[in-house]
């Protein structure tokens, strides 16, 4: 599954709505998990078939029985089958899913362990053959093979392969490239992811306790829609010992489906439809841009016109005030010639007196 990281605040509101719907679809999709440290809670959701049984105080499921006189096979599945095709999508396409589990395989040359998708008709036909599948039964498997069989085109006795209704793998990868041995008895952790939009399957593997590897061990492009046309399928883990005393144990298992609306996929089914839809959106956005541009220009023109009008009115007021200001002098303040009169004043000063007589 390809995941996109985008700054929501730089996108229109409908992108935020799409992201919200995507998260809702992601977390509301069917899923289950198996944690064997709490058997009473998970047992009702599981079905053990063949030689599979709980061991080690229910901390693990042992899929094969070394004490069996005949080849031993065991299968643990989810009790309720799932619909591999998403009927809500147009066109109808397979669901996407992710699963991871921890397991160990004892140092014997058995068939190993496999993750399986099988039809509902598989249960009555469960056999002691490899992984419990019989010839002619439709199935999909990711096998962790520990037995070298030239007739099946195995590359070695330590590989991961993808099987489609046949034990002859359509693609394999050598586990030795990771410096791991499947049947070393060591706990291992595997992740399997399928993205229906790109039709890509990825398988990862590491020692138990280590982080999920960034690079997958095996990548293969496959359309699981054919499996879905047979109706509902069971999901499970299977193992068979072959002619050996090999023991396969499962310690934890998680499985989750993801049903995502088609318009959230990065690779549209029909690019022409995708282009037409986005062309209409772009046309609508351009119309809004034109309207907003026109309104902005109109507002700026009105504001600029109002400013010019204010300036003109201010200058006109100053001009009018200067033209009407005239200096006037009241008549009573005007000087009249010939109105002056002279009068003689005698001043007598005595030395012994401070008085002055006029």
Protein backbone atom coordinates (compact mmCIF):
# COMPACT_ATOMS: atom_id res chain seq x y z
CA UNK A 1 0.00 0.00 0.00
CA UNK A 2 1.36 3.49 -1.12
CA UNK A 3 0.98 6.05 1.41
CA UNK A 4 0.88 9.90 0.61
CA UNK A 5 1.96 12.70 3.16
CA UNK A 6 0.46 16.16 2.16
CA UNK A 7 0.07 19.58 3.98
CA UNK A 8 -3.69 19.79 4.31
CA UNK A 9 -3.70 23.55 4.89
CA UNK A 10 -2.40 24.17 1.35
CA UNK A 11 -5.30 22.25 -0.21
CA UNK A 12 -8.98 23.11 -0.69
CA UNK A 13 -11.58 22.02 1.83
CA UNK A 14 -12.67 18.96 -0.16
CA UNK A 15 -9.15 17.46 0.12
CA UNK A 16 -9.47 17.64 3.90
CA UNK A 17 -12.87 15.94 3.68
CA UNK A 18 -11.42 13.18 1.47
CA UNK A 19 -8.58 12.59 3.93
CA UNK A 20 -11.09 12.29 6.80
CA UNK A 21 -13.15 9.73 4.87
CA UNK A 22 -9.98 7.84 4.01
CA UNK A 23 -8.99 7.54 7.69
CA UNK A 24 -12.52 6.48 8.61
CA UNK A 25 -12.48 3.76 5.94
CA UNK A 26 -9.04 2.63 7.02
CA UNK A 27 -9.83 2.18 10.73
CA UNK A 28 -13.35 0.86 10.25
CA UNK A 29 -12.23 -1.95 7.89
CA UNK A 30 -12.55 -5.59 9.10
CA UNK A 31 -9.54 -6.84 10.99
CA UNK A 32 -8.58 -9.23 13.72
CA UNK A 33 -5.54 -10.07 15.75
CA UNK A 34 -4.28 -13.11 17.59
CA UNK A 35 -2.25 -12.68 20.76
CA UNK A 36 -1.84 -16.08 22.28
CA UNK A 37 -1.04 -14.78 25.74
CA UNK A 38 -4.79 -14.19 26.11
CA UNK A 39 -6.38 -17.37 24.77
CA UNK A 40 -9.93 -16.96 26.19
CA UNK A 41 -10.47 -13.74 24.22
CA UNK A 42 -9.22 -14.97 20.83
CA UNK A 43 -10.28 -18.62 20.75
CA UNK A 44 -13.89 -17.85 19.59
CA UNK A 45 -12.49 -16.10 16.49
CA UNK A 46 -10.25 -18.99 15.45
CA UNK A 47 -10.71 -22.47 14.09
CA UNK A 48 -7.99 -25.11 14.42
CA UNK A 49 -8.01 -27.79 11.72
CA UNK A 50 -6.01 -30.99 11.36
CA UNK A 51 -3.19 -31.44 13.84
CA UNK A 52 -3.14 -27.80 14.98
CA UNK A 53 -3.43 -27.34 18.76
CA UNK A 54 -2.63 -24.92 21.55
CA UNK A 55 0.59 -25.62 23.45
CA UNK A 56 2.88 -24.03 26.00
CA UNK A 57 -0.01 -22.95 28.22
CA UNK A 58 -1.74 -21.43 25.19
CA UNK A 59 1.19 -19.13 24.42
CA UNK A 60 1.59 -20.69 20.97
CA UNK A 61 -0.22 -22.78 18.38
CA UNK A 62 1.58 -25.90 17.21
CA UNK A 63 0.51 -26.64 13.64
CA UNK A 64 2.13 -30.06 13.17
CA UNK A 65 2.41 -33.13 15.38
CA UNK A 66 5.80 -34.90 15.33
CA UNK A 67 4.23 -37.95 16.99
CA UNK A 68 1.89 -38.54 14.09
CA UNK A 69 2.59 -41.74 12.15
CA UNK A 70 1.51 -40.12 8.87
CA UNK A 71 2.50 -36.74 7.40
CA UNK A 72 1.18 -34.07 9.72
CA UNK A 73 -0.64 -30.91 8.67
CA UNK A 74 -2.36 -28.20 10.65
CA UNK A 75 -4.32 -25.07 9.78
CA UNK A 76 -5.46 -22.11 11.87
CA UNK A 77 -8.03 -19.81 10.27
CA UNK A 78 -10.30 -16.94 11.13
CA UNK A 79 -13.73 -18.30 11.98
CA UNK A 80 -15.59 -15.91 9.69
CA UNK A 81 -14.67 -15.76 5.96
CA UNK A 82 -14.03 -12.43 4.26
CA UNK A 83 -15.06 -10.99 0.90
CA UNK A 84 -11.93 -10.57 -1.18
CA UNK A 85 -13.75 -8.28 -3.63
CA UNK A 86 -14.84 -4.82 -2.58
CA UNK A 87 -18.42 -4.45 -3.88
CA UNK A 88 -18.47 -0.75 -2.96
CA UNK A 89 -15.84 0.16 -5.56
CA UNK A 90 -16.59 0.85 -9.23
CA UNK A 91 -15.29 -1.09 -10.98
CA UNK A 92 -15.28 -3.89 -8.40
CA UNK A 93 -11.72 -4.60 -7.27
CA UNK A 94 -10.01 -6.76 -4.61
CA UNK A 95 -9.58 -5.38 -1.13
CA UNK A 96 -6.16 -4.38 0.17
CA UNK A 97 -4.84 -6.15 3.26
CA UNK A 98 -1.92 -6.35 5.65
CA UNK A 99 -0.90 -9.21 7.90
CA UNK A 100 2.05 -10.00 10.12
CA UNK A 101 2.86 -12.98 12.32
CA UNK A 102 5.67 -14.45 14.39
CA UNK A 103 6.62 -18.10 14.03
CA UNK A 104 9.35 -20.70 14.35
CA UNK A 105 10.19 -23.87 12.42
CA UNK A 106 12.22 -26.69 13.92
CA UNK A 107 15.45 -27.88 12.21
CA UNK A 108 13.90 -30.58 10.01
CA UNK A 109 13.31 -30.85 6.27
CA UNK A 110 9.55 -30.46 6.25
CA UNK A 111 7.41 -28.29 4.00
CA UNK A 112 7.62 -25.27 6.27
CA UNK A 113 4.79 -22.78 6.81
CA UNK A 114 2.44 -20.79 4.56
CA UNK A 115 0.00 -17.90 4.69
CA UNK A 116 -3.13 -18.95 2.77
CA UNK A 117 -6.25 -17.56 1.16
CA UNK A 118 -8.60 -20.45 0.37
CA UNK A 119 -12.21 -20.78 -0.77
CA UNK A 120 -15.01 -21.94 1.51
CA UNK A 121 -14.87 -25.35 -0.15
CA UNK A 122 -11.33 -25.86 1.15
CA UNK A 123 -12.30 -26.92 4.69
CA UNK A 124 -13.99 -30.23 3.80
CA UNK A 125 -11.13 -31.01 1.40
CA UNK A 126 -8.32 -30.41 3.93
CA UNK A 127 -5.70 -33.10 3.45
CA UNK A 128 -2.34 -34.21 4.77
CA UNK A 129 -0.65 -32.98 1.59
CA UNK A 130 1.59 -29.90 1.48
CA UNK A 131 -0.02 -27.17 3.56
CA UNK A 132 -3.28 -29.15 3.50
CA UNK A 133 -4.20 -28.10 -0.05
CA UNK A 134 -5.34 -30.65 -2.58
CA UNK A 135 -4.91 -30.64 -6.34
CA UNK A 136 -7.47 -28.59 -8.20
CA UNK A 137 -8.35 -26.41 -5.20
CA UNK A 138 -8.04 -22.66 -5.86
CA UNK A 139 -5.79 -20.95 -3.34
CA UNK A 140 -3.24 -18.19 -2.88
CA UNK A 141 -0.22 -18.74 -0.66
CA UNK A 142 2.99 -17.16 0.52
CA UNK A 143 5.14 -20.15 1.46
CA UNK A 144 8.15 -20.24 3.77
CA UNK A 145 9.61 -23.37 2.25
CA UNK A 146 12.22 -25.51 4.01
CA UNK A 147 12.24 -28.45 1.59
CA UNK A 148 14.08 -28.58 -1.71
CA UNK A 149 11.95 -30.20 -4.40
CA UNK A 150 13.30 -30.12 -7.95
CA UNK A 151 9.94 -31.18 -9.35
CA UNK A 152 8.41 -27.96 -8.02
CA UNK A 153 11.25 -25.77 -9.25
CA UNK A 154 12.51 -24.87 -5.77
CA UNK A 155 15.69 -22.77 -5.71
CA UNK A 156 16.83 -24.25 -2.37
CA UNK A 157 15.47 -25.39 0.98
CA UNK A 158 15.43 -21.87 2.44
CA UNK A 159 13.21 -19.61 0.34
CA UNK A 160 9.96 -17.65 0.27
CA UNK A 161 7.65 -18.20 -2.68
CA UNK A 162 4.27 -17.07 -4.01
CA UNK A 163 1.89 -19.85 -5.06
CA UNK A 164 -1.33 -19.42 -7.06
CA UNK A 165 -3.47 -22.61 -7.09
CA UNK A 166 -0.26 -24.61 -7.50
CA UNK A 167 2.75 -25.55 -5.36
CA UNK A 168 4.99 -24.40 -8.21
CA UNK A 169 5.84 -20.86 -7.13
CA UNK A 170 5.33 -18.03 -9.60
CA UNK A 171 8.13 -16.12 -7.87
CA UNK A 172 10.67 -16.93 -5.17
CA UNK A 173 13.31 -15.19 -3.09
CA UNK A 174 16.28 -16.66 -1.25
CA UNK A 175 16.04 -16.13 2.52
CA UNK A 176 19.79 -16.73 2.83
CA UNK A 177 20.26 -13.22 1.40
CA UNK A 178 19.05 -11.94 4.80
CA UNK A 179 21.46 -14.23 6.70
CA UNK A 180 18.45 -16.09 8.06
CA UNK A 181 17.49 -19.77 8.11
CA UNK A 182 13.78 -20.56 8.18
CA UNK A 183 14.10 -23.91 9.98
CA UNK A 184 16.70 -22.85 12.54
CA UNK A 185 14.17 -23.01 15.39
CA UNK A 186 14.58 -19.23 15.87
CA UNK A 187 11.57 -16.96 16.19
CA UNK A 188 10.99 -14.97 13.01
CA UNK A 189 8.63 -12.13 12.13
CA UNK A 190 7.04 -11.68 8.71
CA UNK A 191 4.90 -8.94 7.14
CA UNK A 192 2.73 -9.35 4.03
CA UNK A 193 1.06 -6.33 2.38
CA UNK A 194 -1.19 -6.28 -0.67
CA UNK A 195 -2.30 -3.06 -2.39
CA UNK A 196 -5.25 -3.57 -4.75
CA UNK A 197 -4.75 -0.29 -6.64
CA UNK A 198 -1.23 -1.17 -7.79
CA UNK A 199 -1.85 -4.96 -7.56
CA UNK A 200 1.45 -5.27 -5.73
CA UNK A 201 2.32 -7.79 -3.04
CA UNK A 202 5.28 -7.27 -0.69
CA UNK A 203 6.78 -9.77 1.75
CA UNK A 204 9.20 -8.82 4.54
CA UNK A 205 11.06 -11.01 7.00
CA UNK A 206 13.33 -10.43 9.99
CA UNK A 207 14.35 -11.86 13.32
CA UNK A 208 11.76 -11.55 16.06
CA UNK A 209 12.15 -8.33 18.04
CA UNK A 210 13.68 -6.30 15.21
CA UNK A 211 11.96 -3.41 13.45
CA UNK A 212 9.99 -3.95 10.26
CA UNK A 213 12.46 -3.91 7.33
CA UNK A 214 12.22 -1.00 4.93
CA UNK A 215 13.07 -3.10 1.86
CA UNK A 216 10.86 -6.11 1.09
CA UNK A 217 12.35 -9.54 0.58
CA UNK A 218 9.90 -10.32 -2.22
CA UNK A 219 7.80 -8.07 -4.47
CA UNK A 220 5.33 -9.41 -7.00
CA UNK A 221 2.55 -7.90 -9.08
CA UNK A 222 -0.62 -10.02 -8.90
CA UNK A 223 -4.37 -9.57 -9.32
CA UNK A 224 -6.25 -11.34 -6.53
CA UNK A 225 -9.57 -10.61 -8.20
CA UNK A 226 -9.67 -14.19 -9.55
CA UNK A 227 -9.73 -15.52 -5.98
CA UNK A 228 -12.61 -13.21 -5.15
CA UNK A 229 -14.77 -14.49 -8.00
CA UNK A 230 -15.08 -17.78 -6.14
CA UNK A 231 -16.94 -16.00 -3.35
CA UNK A 232 -15.81 -15.54 0.24
CA UNK A 233 -12.42 -16.85 1.34
CA UNK A 234 -10.84 -18.04 4.55
CA UNK A 235 -7.58 -16.52 5.77
CA UNK A 236 -5.14 -18.68 7.68
CA UNK A 237 -1.70 -20.09 8.45
CA UNK A 238 -0.85 -23.65 7.54
CA UNK A 239 2.04 -26.05 7.91
CA UNK A 240 2.89 -29.61 6.96
CA UNK A 241 5.80 -31.76 8.11
CA UNK A 242 6.13 -33.94 5.01
CA UNK A 243 8.08 -37.06 5.88
CA UNK A 244 9.96 -35.38 8.73
CA UNK A 245 9.23 -34.56 12.36
CA UNK A 246 9.25 -30.83 11.73
CA UNK A 247 7.27 -28.66 14.17
CA UNK A 248 5.91 -25.23 13.23
CA UNK A 249 4.68 -22.86 15.93
CA UNK A 250 2.79 -19.56 15.65
CA UNK A 251 3.14 -17.01 18.49
CA UNK A 252 1.16 -14.03 17.22
CA UNK A 253 -0.91 -13.10 14.18
CA UNK A 254 -2.60 -9.90 12.97
CA UNK A 255 -4.72 -9.41 9.87
CA UNK A 256 -6.39 -6.23 8.59
CA UNK A 257 -8.27 -5.35 5.42
CA UNK A 258 -8.45 -1.88 3.92
CA UNK A 259 -11.29 -0.75 1.69
CA UNK A 260 -10.49 2.70 0.27
CA UNK A 261 -12.71 4.75 -2.11
CA UNK A 262 -11.36 4.65 -5.66
CA UNK A 263 -10.96 8.44 -5.90
CA UNK A 264 -8.28 8.27 -3.19
CA UNK A 265 -6.01 5.94 -5.15
CA UNK A 266 -2.91 7.50 -6.64
CA UNK A 267 -3.31 5.44 -9.83
CA UNK A 268 -6.82 5.83 -11.28
CA UNK A 269 -8.35 2.91 -13.16
CA UNK A 270 -9.39 5.12 -16.10
CA UNK A 271 -7.09 8.13 -16.59
CA UNK A 272 -9.60 9.72 -18.98
CA UNK A 273 -12.30 9.80 -16.30
CA UNK A 274 -9.78 11.11 -13.79
CA UNK A 275 -8.71 13.82 -16.27
CA UNK A 276 -12.32 14.84 -17.03
CA UNK A 277 -13.24 15.13 -13.36
CA UNK A 278 -10.20 17.20 -12.53
CA UNK A 279 -10.67 19.26 -15.69
CA UNK A 280 -14.14 20.21 -14.49
CA UNK A 281 -12.75 21.08 -11.06
CA UNK A 282 -10.05 23.25 -12.65
CA UNK A 283 -12.66 24.99 -14.85
CA UNK A 284 -14.80 25.73 -11.83
CA UNK A 285 -11.77 27.03 -9.93
CA UNK A 286 -10.88 29.30 -12.88
CA UNK A 287 -14.42 30.73 -12.91
CA UNK A 288 -14.16 31.52 -9.21
CA UNK A 289 -10.76 33.11 -9.79
CA UNK A 290 -12.23 35.31 -12.54
CA UNK A 291 -15.14 36.38 -10.34
CA UNK A 292 -12.87 37.15 -7.41
CA UNK A 293 -10.47 39.03 -9.68
CA UNK A 294 -13.29 41.14 -11.09
CA UNK A 295 -14.65 41.96 -7.62
CA UNK A 296 -11.17 42.83 -6.35
CA UNK A 297 -10.54 45.13 -9.31
CA UNK A 298 -13.95 46.78 -8.87
CA UNK A 299 -13.32 47.42 -5.18
CA UNK A 300 -9.89 48.89 -5.94
CA UNK A 301 -11.35 51.17 -8.65
CA UNK A 302 -14.09 52.39 -6.29
CA UNK A 303 -11.56 53.05 -3.55
CA UNK A 304 -9.20 54.85 -5.92
CA UNK A 305 -12.08 56.96 -7.31
CA UNK A 306 -13.22 57.88 -3.81
CA UNK A 307 -9.67 58.96 -2.91
CA UNK A 308 -9.43 61.18 -6.01
CA UNK A 309 -12.84 62.69 -5.19
CA UNK A 310 -11.73 63.54 -1.64
CA UNK A 311 -8.55 65.19 -2.92
CA UNK A 312 -10.46 67.25 -5.49
CA UNK A 313 -13.01 68.38 -2.88
CA UNK A 314 -10.20 69.36 -0.50
CA UNK A 315 -8.41 71.45 -3.12
CA UNK A 316 -11.66 73.09 -4.23
CA UNK A 317 -12.49 74.06 -0.65
CA UNK A 318 -9.07 75.71 -0.20
CA UNK A 319 -9.44 77.65 -3.47
CA UNK A 320 -12.91 78.93 -2.57
CA UNK A 321 -11.85 80.05 0.92
CA UNK A 322 -8.93 82.09 -0.47
CA UNK A 323 -11.08 83.86 -3.05
CA UNK A 324 -13.76 85.07 -0.59
CA UNK A 325 -11.43 86.45 2.17
CA UNK A 326 -11.39 90.33 2.07
CA UNK A 327 -9.83 92.62 4.79
CA UNK A 328 -12.32 95.31 6.02
CA UNK A 329 -11.65 98.30 8.40
CA UNK A 330 -14.46 99.75 10.44
CA UNK A 331 -15.29 103.41 9.70
CA UNK A 332 -14.98 104.52 13.35
CA UNK A 333 -11.38 103.49 13.35
CA UNK A 334 -10.41 105.59 10.33
CA UNK A 335 -8.25 108.74 11.10
CA UNK A 336 -9.72 112.18 10.09
CA UNK A 337 -7.26 115.00 9.18
CA UNK A 338 -7.48 118.40 10.89
CA UNK A 339 -8.68 117.24 14.26
CA UNK A 340 -5.44 117.90 16.20
CA UNK A 341 -5.31 120.62 19.06
CA UNK A 342 -2.29 121.92 20.99
CA UNK A 343 -2.47 123.08 24.71
CA UNK A 344 0.31 124.76 26.75
CA UNK A 345 1.13 123.21 30.16
CA UNK A 346 3.24 125.06 32.84
CA UNK A 347 5.31 122.91 35.18
CA UNK A 348 6.66 124.48 38.46
CA UNK A 349 9.24 122.56 40.50
CA UNK A 350 10.12 123.60 44.11
CA UNK A 351 13.26 122.33 45.77
CA UNK A 352 11.67 121.96 49.21
CA UNK A 353 8.53 120.24 48.08
CA UNK A 354 7.79 116.96 46.51
CA UNK A 355 4.46 118.12 45.23
CA UNK A 356 4.05 118.99 41.67
CA UNK A 357 1.45 121.54 40.67
CA UNK A 358 0.02 121.63 37.25
